[in-house]
Amino acid sequence: QLQLVEFGGGLVQPGGSLRLSCGVSGRTSYYYDIVWFRQAPGKEREGVSCISSSGGSTSYTDSVKGRFTISRDHAKNTVYLQMNSLKAEDTAVYYCAGEMDGCSDGSGWHRPDRVARGSWGRGTQVTVSS
């Protein structure tokens, strides 16, 4: 089973940057695509970015394209989400999760129901405010 834990959330001013980390462990962790989701108060959980198991394919939701970058370091068993030019609307709890169907547009990576069973982290709060 996949275990995930998020680090790096906090309070940042609009226009600032944060880097989130997702520690990934488990015997088969290498084979999972990793997706960052977020959930703001009163809103549904949404997929933010996806990176394939090999790290060779990435996808982003439209609202973060050009501002967020996902990357993966298998040697450190860690997936990163670099968030730049943060906006108040980026405020949410951010979760990392494991999936198995790739990160292409047709894979449905952004849907929470595509996450492998039991493959959610506990989340880290990101607050963008002056």
N, C-alpha and C. Protein backbone atom coordinates (compact mmCIF):
# COMPACT_ATOMS: atom_id res chain seq x y z
N GLN A 1 0.85 -1.19 0.00
CA GLN A 1 0.00 0.00 0.00
C GLN A 1 0.88 1.24 0.00
N LEU A 2 0.36 2.29 -0.63
CA LEU A 2 1.10 3.53 -0.75
C LEU A 2 0.87 4.40 0.48
N GLN A 3 1.95 4.97 1.01
CA GLN A 3 1.86 5.94 2.09
C GLN A 3 2.38 7.28 1.60
N LEU A 4 1.65 8.34 1.92
CA LEU A 4 2.04 9.68 1.47
C LEU A 4 1.91 10.65 2.63
N VAL A 5 2.85 11.60 2.70
CA VAL A 5 2.78 12.64 3.71
C VAL A 5 3.24 13.96 3.10
N GLU A 6 2.48 15.00 3.33
CA GLU A 6 2.75 16.31 2.74
C GLU A 6 3.50 17.22 3.73
N PHE A 7 4.38 18.05 3.19
CA PHE A 7 5.11 19.05 3.97
C PHE A 7 5.12 20.37 3.22
N GLY A 8 5.32 21.46 3.95
CA GLY A 8 5.66 22.71 3.30
C GLY A 8 4.58 23.76 3.22
N GLY A 9 3.40 23.48 3.74
CA GLY A 9 2.36 24.49 3.71
C GLY A 9 2.67 25.64 4.65
N GLY A 10 1.87 26.69 4.55
CA GLY A 10 2.07 27.83 5.42
C GLY A 10 1.31 29.04 4.93
N LEU A 11 1.66 30.18 5.54
CA LEU A 11 1.05 31.46 5.19
C LEU A 11 2.02 32.24 4.30
N VAL A 12 1.52 32.73 3.19
CA VAL A 12 2.35 33.49 2.25
C VAL A 12 1.53 34.67 1.71
N GLN A 13 2.22 35.74 1.38
CA GLN A 13 1.53 36.90 0.81
C GLN A 13 1.22 36.69 -0.66
N PRO A 14 0.20 37.35 -1.17
CA PRO A 14 -0.08 37.27 -2.61
C PRO A 14 1.16 37.63 -3.42
N GLY A 15 1.40 36.85 -4.46
CA GLY A 15 2.59 37.04 -5.28
C GLY A 15 3.79 36.25 -4.81
N GLY A 16 3.69 35.66 -3.64
CA GLY A 16 4.80 34.89 -3.08
C GLY A 16 4.86 33.47 -3.60
N SER A 17 5.80 32.72 -3.02
CA SER A 17 6.04 31.34 -3.46
C SER A 17 6.09 30.38 -2.28
N LEU A 18 5.75 29.14 -2.55
CA LEU A 18 5.89 28.05 -1.59
C LEU A 18 6.26 26.80 -2.37
N ARG A 19 6.99 25.90 -1.72
CA ARG A 19 7.24 24.59 -2.32
C ARG A 19 6.68 23.52 -1.40
N LEU A 20 5.74 22.75 -1.89
CA LEU A 20 5.20 21.63 -1.15
C LEU A 20 5.97 20.36 -1.51
N SER A 21 6.11 19.50 -0.53
CA SER A 21 6.76 18.20 -0.73
C SER A 21 5.80 17.09 -0.35
N CYS A 22 5.87 16.00 -1.06
CA CYS A 22 5.07 14.82 -0.76
C CYS A 22 6.02 13.64 -0.64
N GLY A 23 6.19 13.12 0.58
CA GLY A 23 7.00 11.93 0.77
C GLY A 23 6.18 10.71 0.42
N VAL A 24 6.74 9.87 -0.44
CA VAL A 24 6.02 8.70 -0.95
C VAL A 24 6.76 7.43 -0.52
N SER A 25 6.06 6.47 0.04
CA SER A 25 6.69 5.22 0.44
C SER A 25 5.75 4.05 0.19
N GLY A 26 6.32 2.86 0.21
CA GLY A 26 5.58 1.65 -0.11
C GLY A 26 6.35 0.85 -1.15
N ARG A 27 6.18 -0.45 -1.12
CA ARG A 27 6.97 -1.33 -1.99
C ARG A 27 6.78 -1.03 -3.47
N THR A 28 5.59 -0.58 -3.85
CA THR A 28 5.30 -0.33 -5.26
C THR A 28 5.19 1.15 -5.57
N SER A 29 5.73 2.01 -4.72
CA SER A 29 5.52 3.46 -4.88
C SER A 29 6.05 3.98 -6.21
N TYR A 30 7.09 3.35 -6.74
CA TYR A 30 7.68 3.82 -8.00
C TYR A 30 6.66 3.81 -9.13
N TYR A 31 5.69 2.91 -9.07
CA TYR A 31 4.79 2.70 -10.21
C TYR A 31 3.56 3.60 -10.19
N TYR A 32 3.44 4.41 -9.16
CA TYR A 32 2.27 5.28 -9.04
C TYR A 32 2.52 6.63 -9.70
N ASP A 33 1.50 7.12 -10.39
CA ASP A 33 1.45 8.54 -10.74
C ASP A 33 1.05 9.28 -9.47
N ILE A 34 1.58 10.47 -9.28
CA ILE A 34 1.25 11.25 -8.08
C ILE A 34 0.52 12.52 -8.49
N VAL A 35 -0.58 12.78 -7.83
CA VAL A 35 -1.42 13.93 -8.14
C VAL A 35 -1.53 14.81 -6.90
N TRP A 36 -1.41 16.10 -7.11
CA TRP A 36 -1.72 17.08 -6.06
C TRP A 36 -3.16 17.54 -6.25
N PHE A 37 -3.94 17.44 -5.18
CA PHE A 37 -5.30 17.96 -5.14
C PHE A 37 -5.33 19.12 -4.13
N ARG A 38 -6.39 19.90 -4.18
CA ARG A 38 -6.61 20.91 -3.15
C ARG A 38 -8.11 21.03 -2.90
N GLN A 39 -8.42 21.48 -1.69
CA GLN A 39 -9.80 21.68 -1.31
C GLN A 39 -9.91 22.93 -0.47
N ALA A 40 -10.64 23.90 -0.99
CA ALA A 40 -10.91 25.13 -0.27
C ALA A 40 -12.20 24.97 0.53
N PRO A 41 -12.38 25.76 1.57
CA PRO A 41 -13.61 25.65 2.38
C PRO A 41 -14.86 25.82 1.52
N GLY A 42 -15.79 24.89 1.66
CA GLY A 42 -17.05 24.97 0.93
C GLY A 42 -16.98 24.57 -0.53
N LYS A 43 -15.81 24.12 -0.97
CA LYS A 43 -15.65 23.72 -2.37
C LYS A 43 -15.27 22.26 -2.49
N GLU A 44 -15.46 21.72 -3.67
CA GLU A 44 -15.09 20.34 -3.93
C GLU A 44 -13.58 20.22 -4.08
N ARG A 45 -13.08 19.03 -3.79
CA ARG A 45 -11.66 18.76 -3.98
C ARG A 45 -11.37 18.74 -5.49
N GLU A 46 -10.30 19.40 -5.90
CA GLU A 46 -9.97 19.48 -7.32
C GLU A 46 -8.52 19.07 -7.57
N GLY A 47 -8.30 18.46 -8.71
CA GLY A 47 -6.96 18.09 -9.11
C GLY A 47 -6.19 19.30 -9.59
N VAL A 48 -4.96 19.47 -9.10
CA VAL A 48 -4.13 20.62 -9.43
C VAL A 48 -3.05 20.24 -10.44
N SER A 49 -2.35 19.14 -10.18
CA SER A 49 -1.25 18.75 -11.06
C SER A 49 -0.97 17.27 -10.90
N CYS A 50 -0.46 16.69 -11.97
CA CYS A 50 -0.17 15.25 -12.00
C CYS A 50 1.22 15.02 -12.58
N ILE A 51 1.94 14.05 -12.04
CA ILE A 51 3.21 13.63 -12.63
C ILE A 51 3.19 12.11 -12.75
N SER A 52 3.62 11.62 -13.89
CA SER A 52 3.57 10.19 -14.15
C SER A 52 4.61 9.45 -13.31
N SER A 53 4.49 8.14 -13.27
CA SER A 53 5.39 7.31 -12.47
C SER A 53 6.85 7.53 -12.87
N SER A 54 7.11 7.70 -14.15
CA SER A 54 8.48 7.90 -14.62
C SER A 54 8.95 9.34 -14.43
N GLY A 55 8.00 10.24 -14.23
CA GLY A 55 8.33 11.66 -14.17
C GLY A 55 8.36 12.32 -15.53
N GLY A 56 8.09 11.56 -16.59
CA GLY A 56 8.22 12.10 -17.92
C GLY A 56 7.00 12.82 -18.45
N SER A 57 5.89 12.73 -17.75
CA SER A 57 4.66 13.37 -18.19
C SER A 57 4.03 14.15 -17.04
N THR A 58 3.64 15.37 -17.31
CA THR A 58 3.00 16.20 -16.29
C THR A 58 1.75 16.86 -16.87
N SER A 59 0.82 17.20 -16.00
CA SER A 59 -0.38 17.93 -16.39
C SER A 59 -0.76 18.90 -15.28
N TYR A 60 -1.47 19.96 -15.68
CA TYR A 60 -1.88 20.99 -14.73
C TYR A 60 -3.31 21.42 -15.03
N THR A 61 -4.03 21.78 -13.99
CA THR A 61 -5.31 22.42 -14.22
C THR A 61 -5.07 23.83 -14.74
N ASP A 62 -6.02 24.35 -15.51
CA ASP A 62 -5.80 25.62 -16.20
C ASP A 62 -5.44 26.76 -15.26
N SER A 63 -6.04 26.79 -14.08
CA SER A 63 -5.86 27.93 -13.18
C SER A 63 -4.44 28.06 -12.63
N VAL A 64 -3.62 27.02 -12.75
CA VAL A 64 -2.26 27.08 -12.19
C VAL A 64 -1.18 26.98 -13.27
N LYS A 65 -1.57 26.80 -14.52
CA LYS A 65 -0.58 26.68 -15.59
C LYS A 65 0.28 27.94 -15.66
N GLY A 66 1.58 27.74 -15.77
CA GLY A 66 2.51 28.85 -15.82
C GLY A 66 2.93 29.36 -14.45
N ARG A 67 2.27 28.91 -13.40
CA ARG A 67 2.62 29.35 -12.04
C ARG A 67 3.13 28.21 -11.18
N PHE A 68 2.60 27.02 -11.36
CA PHE A 68 2.98 25.85 -10.56
C PHE A 68 3.81 24.90 -11.41
N THR A 69 4.76 24.22 -10.76
CA THR A 69 5.57 23.21 -11.43
C THR A 69 5.67 21.98 -10.54
N ILE A 70 5.33 20.83 -11.11
CA ILE A 70 5.44 19.57 -10.37
C ILE A 70 6.70 18.85 -10.82
N SER A 71 7.36 18.18 -9.87
CA SER A 71 8.57 17.42 -10.20
C SER A 71 8.67 16.23 -9.26
N ARG A 72 9.57 15.34 -9.60
CA ARG A 72 9.66 14.08 -8.84
C ARG A 72 11.12 13.66 -8.72
N ASP A 73 11.50 13.23 -7.55
CA ASP A 73 12.84 12.72 -7.29
C ASP A 73 12.70 11.32 -6.71
N HIS A 74 12.89 10.32 -7.54
CA HIS A 74 12.72 8.94 -7.07
C HIS A 74 13.77 8.58 -6.03
N ALA A 75 14.95 9.11 -6.16
CA ALA A 75 16.02 8.78 -5.20
C ALA A 75 15.64 9.24 -3.80
N LYS A 76 14.88 10.32 -3.71
CA LYS A 76 14.45 10.84 -2.41
C LYS A 76 13.01 10.46 -2.09
N ASN A 77 12.38 9.70 -2.98
CA ASN A 77 10.98 9.29 -2.78
C ASN A 77 10.07 10.48 -2.49
N THR A 78 10.26 11.54 -3.25
CA THR A 78 9.56 12.79 -2.99
C THR A 78 9.03 13.40 -4.28
N VAL A 79 7.83 13.94 -4.20
CA VAL A 79 7.24 14.71 -5.29
C VAL A 79 7.06 16.14 -4.78
N TYR A 80 7.42 17.09 -5.62
CA TYR A 80 7.37 18.50 -5.23
C TYR A 80 6.31 19.25 -6.04
N LEU A 81 5.77 20.28 -5.42
CA LEU A 81 4.91 21.23 -6.13
C LEU A 81 5.43 22.63 -5.83
N GLN A 82 6.12 23.21 -6.81
CA GLN A 82 6.60 24.58 -6.67
C GLN A 82 5.49 25.52 -7.08
N MET A 83 5.09 26.39 -6.18
CA MET A 83 3.97 27.30 -6.42
C MET A 83 4.48 28.74 -6.40
N ASN A 84 4.40 29.40 -7.53
CA ASN A 84 4.83 30.79 -7.65
C ASN A 84 3.63 31.70 -7.95
N SER A 85 3.83 32.99 -7.78
CA SER A 85 2.78 33.98 -8.07
C SER A 85 1.46 33.58 -7.43
N LEU A 86 1.53 33.24 -6.16
CA LEU A 86 0.34 32.74 -5.47
C LEU A 86 -0.73 33.80 -5.35
N LYS A 87 -1.97 33.33 -5.41
CA LYS A 87 -3.14 34.20 -5.33
C LYS A 87 -4.01 33.78 -4.15
N ALA A 88 -4.87 34.67 -3.72
CA ALA A 88 -5.76 34.34 -2.61
C ALA A 88 -6.60 33.10 -2.93
N GLU A 89 -6.95 32.94 -4.18
CA GLU A 89 -7.79 31.79 -4.56
C GLU A 89 -7.04 30.46 -4.56
N ASP A 90 -5.73 30.51 -4.31
CA ASP A 90 -4.96 29.27 -4.15
C ASP A 90 -5.04 28.74 -2.71
N THR A 91 -5.65 29.51 -1.83
CA THR A 91 -5.80 29.09 -0.45
C THR A 91 -6.64 27.82 -0.36
N ALA A 92 -6.09 26.79 0.27
CA ALA A 92 -6.76 25.50 0.35
C ALA A 92 -5.90 24.55 1.17
N VAL A 93 -6.48 23.41 1.51
CA VAL A 93 -5.67 22.29 1.99
C VAL A 93 -5.22 21.50 0.77
N TYR A 94 -3.91 21.26 0.69
CA TYR A 94 -3.33 20.55 -0.45
C TYR A 94 -3.01 19.11 -0.04
N TYR A 95 -3.42 18.18 -0.89
CA TYR A 95 -3.22 16.76 -0.65
C TYR A 95 -2.44 16.15 -1.81
N CYS A 96 -1.60 15.18 -1.51
CA CYS A 96 -1.04 14.37 -2.59
C CYS A 96 -1.68 12.98 -2.53
N ALA A 97 -1.75 12.35 -3.70
CA ALA A 97 -2.45 11.09 -3.82
C ALA A 97 -1.84 10.26 -4.94
N GLY A 98 -2.05 8.95 -4.89
CA GLY A 98 -1.51 8.05 -5.89
C GLY A 98 -2.57 7.56 -6.86
N GLU A 99 -2.19 7.52 -8.14
CA GLU A 99 -3.08 7.00 -9.17
C GLU A 99 -2.30 6.07 -10.09
N MET A 100 -3.03 5.38 -10.97
CA MET A 100 -2.38 4.37 -11.81
C MET A 100 -2.68 4.50 -13.29
N ASP A 101 -3.41 5.55 -13.71
CA ASP A 101 -3.89 5.60 -15.09
C ASP A 101 -3.23 6.68 -15.94
N GLY A 102 -2.11 7.23 -15.48
CA GLY A 102 -1.40 8.22 -16.28
C GLY A 102 -1.93 9.62 -16.08
N CYS A 103 -1.25 10.58 -16.71
CA CYS A 103 -1.57 11.99 -16.53
C CYS A 103 -2.05 12.66 -17.80
N SER A 104 -2.44 11.90 -18.78
CA SER A 104 -2.92 12.52 -20.01
C SER A 104 -4.28 13.17 -19.78
N ASP A 105 -4.67 14.03 -20.72
CA ASP A 105 -5.93 14.75 -20.57
C ASP A 105 -7.12 13.80 -20.47
N GLY A 106 -7.05 12.67 -21.12
CA GLY A 106 -8.17 11.73 -21.11
C GLY A 106 -8.16 10.74 -19.96
N SER A 107 -7.14 10.84 -19.09
CA SER A 107 -7.01 9.84 -18.03
C SER A 107 -7.91 10.11 -16.84
N GLY A 108 -8.41 11.33 -16.74
CA GLY A 108 -9.24 11.67 -15.58
C GLY A 108 -8.44 11.86 -14.31
N TRP A 109 -7.17 12.20 -14.43
CA TRP A 109 -6.30 12.31 -13.25
C TRP A 109 -6.83 13.31 -12.23
N HIS A 110 -7.57 14.29 -12.69
CA HIS A 110 -8.00 15.37 -11.82
C HIS A 110 -9.21 14.98 -10.96
N ARG A 111 -9.76 13.79 -11.18
CA ARG A 111 -10.94 13.36 -10.45
C ARG A 111 -10.54 12.61 -9.19
N PRO A 112 -11.05 13.04 -8.04
CA PRO A 112 -10.71 12.35 -6.79
C PRO A 112 -11.09 10.88 -6.79
N ASP A 113 -12.13 10.51 -7.55
CA ASP A 113 -12.53 9.09 -7.55
C ASP A 113 -11.56 8.21 -8.34
N ARG A 114 -10.55 8.81 -8.97
CA ARG A 114 -9.54 8.02 -9.68
C ARG A 114 -8.35 7.65 -8.80
N VAL A 115 -8.34 8.18 -7.58
CA VAL A 115 -7.23 7.91 -6.67
C VAL A 115 -7.29 6.46 -6.20
N ALA A 116 -6.13 5.81 -6.20
CA ALA A 116 -6.06 4.42 -5.74
C ALA A 116 -6.52 4.33 -4.29
N ARG A 117 -7.17 3.24 -3.97
CA ARG A 117 -7.75 3.08 -2.64
C ARG A 117 -6.69 3.25 -1.57
N GLY A 118 -7.00 4.05 -0.59
CA GLY A 118 -6.10 4.24 0.54
C GLY A 118 -4.86 5.07 0.24
N SER A 119 -4.83 5.75 -0.91
CA SER A 119 -3.62 6.45 -1.33
C SER A 119 -3.74 7.97 -1.24
N TRP A 120 -4.17 8.45 -0.12
CA TRP A 120 -4.25 9.89 0.15
C TRP A 120 -3.31 10.26 1.29
N GLY A 121 -2.67 11.42 1.17
CA GLY A 121 -2.00 12.00 2.32
C GLY A 121 -3.02 12.73 3.18
N ARG A 122 -2.54 13.29 4.31
CA ARG A 122 -3.45 13.95 5.24
C ARG A 122 -3.63 15.43 4.93
N GLY A 123 -2.81 15.98 4.08
CA GLY A 123 -2.99 17.36 3.67
C GLY A 123 -2.11 18.34 4.41
N THR A 124 -1.87 19.48 3.76
CA THR A 124 -1.14 20.58 4.36
C THR A 124 -1.83 21.88 3.95
N GLN A 125 -1.99 22.79 4.91
CA GLN A 125 -2.73 24.02 4.66
C GLN A 125 -1.85 25.06 3.97
N VAL A 126 -2.37 25.64 2.91
CA VAL A 126 -1.73 26.78 2.25
C VAL A 126 -2.68 27.96 2.34
N THR A 127 -2.20 29.05 2.92
CA THR A 127 -3.02 30.26 3.05
C THR A 127 -2.29 31.42 2.38
N VAL A 128 -2.96 32.04 1.42
CA VAL A 128 -2.40 33.18 0.71
C VAL A 128 -3.18 34.42 1.13
N SER A 129 -2.51 35.27 1.88
CA SER A 129 -3.19 36.43 2.44
C SER A 129 -2.19 37.50 2.81
N SER A 130 -2.61 38.74 2.70
CA SER A 130 -1.76 39.86 3.12
C SER A 130 -2.07 40.24 4.57
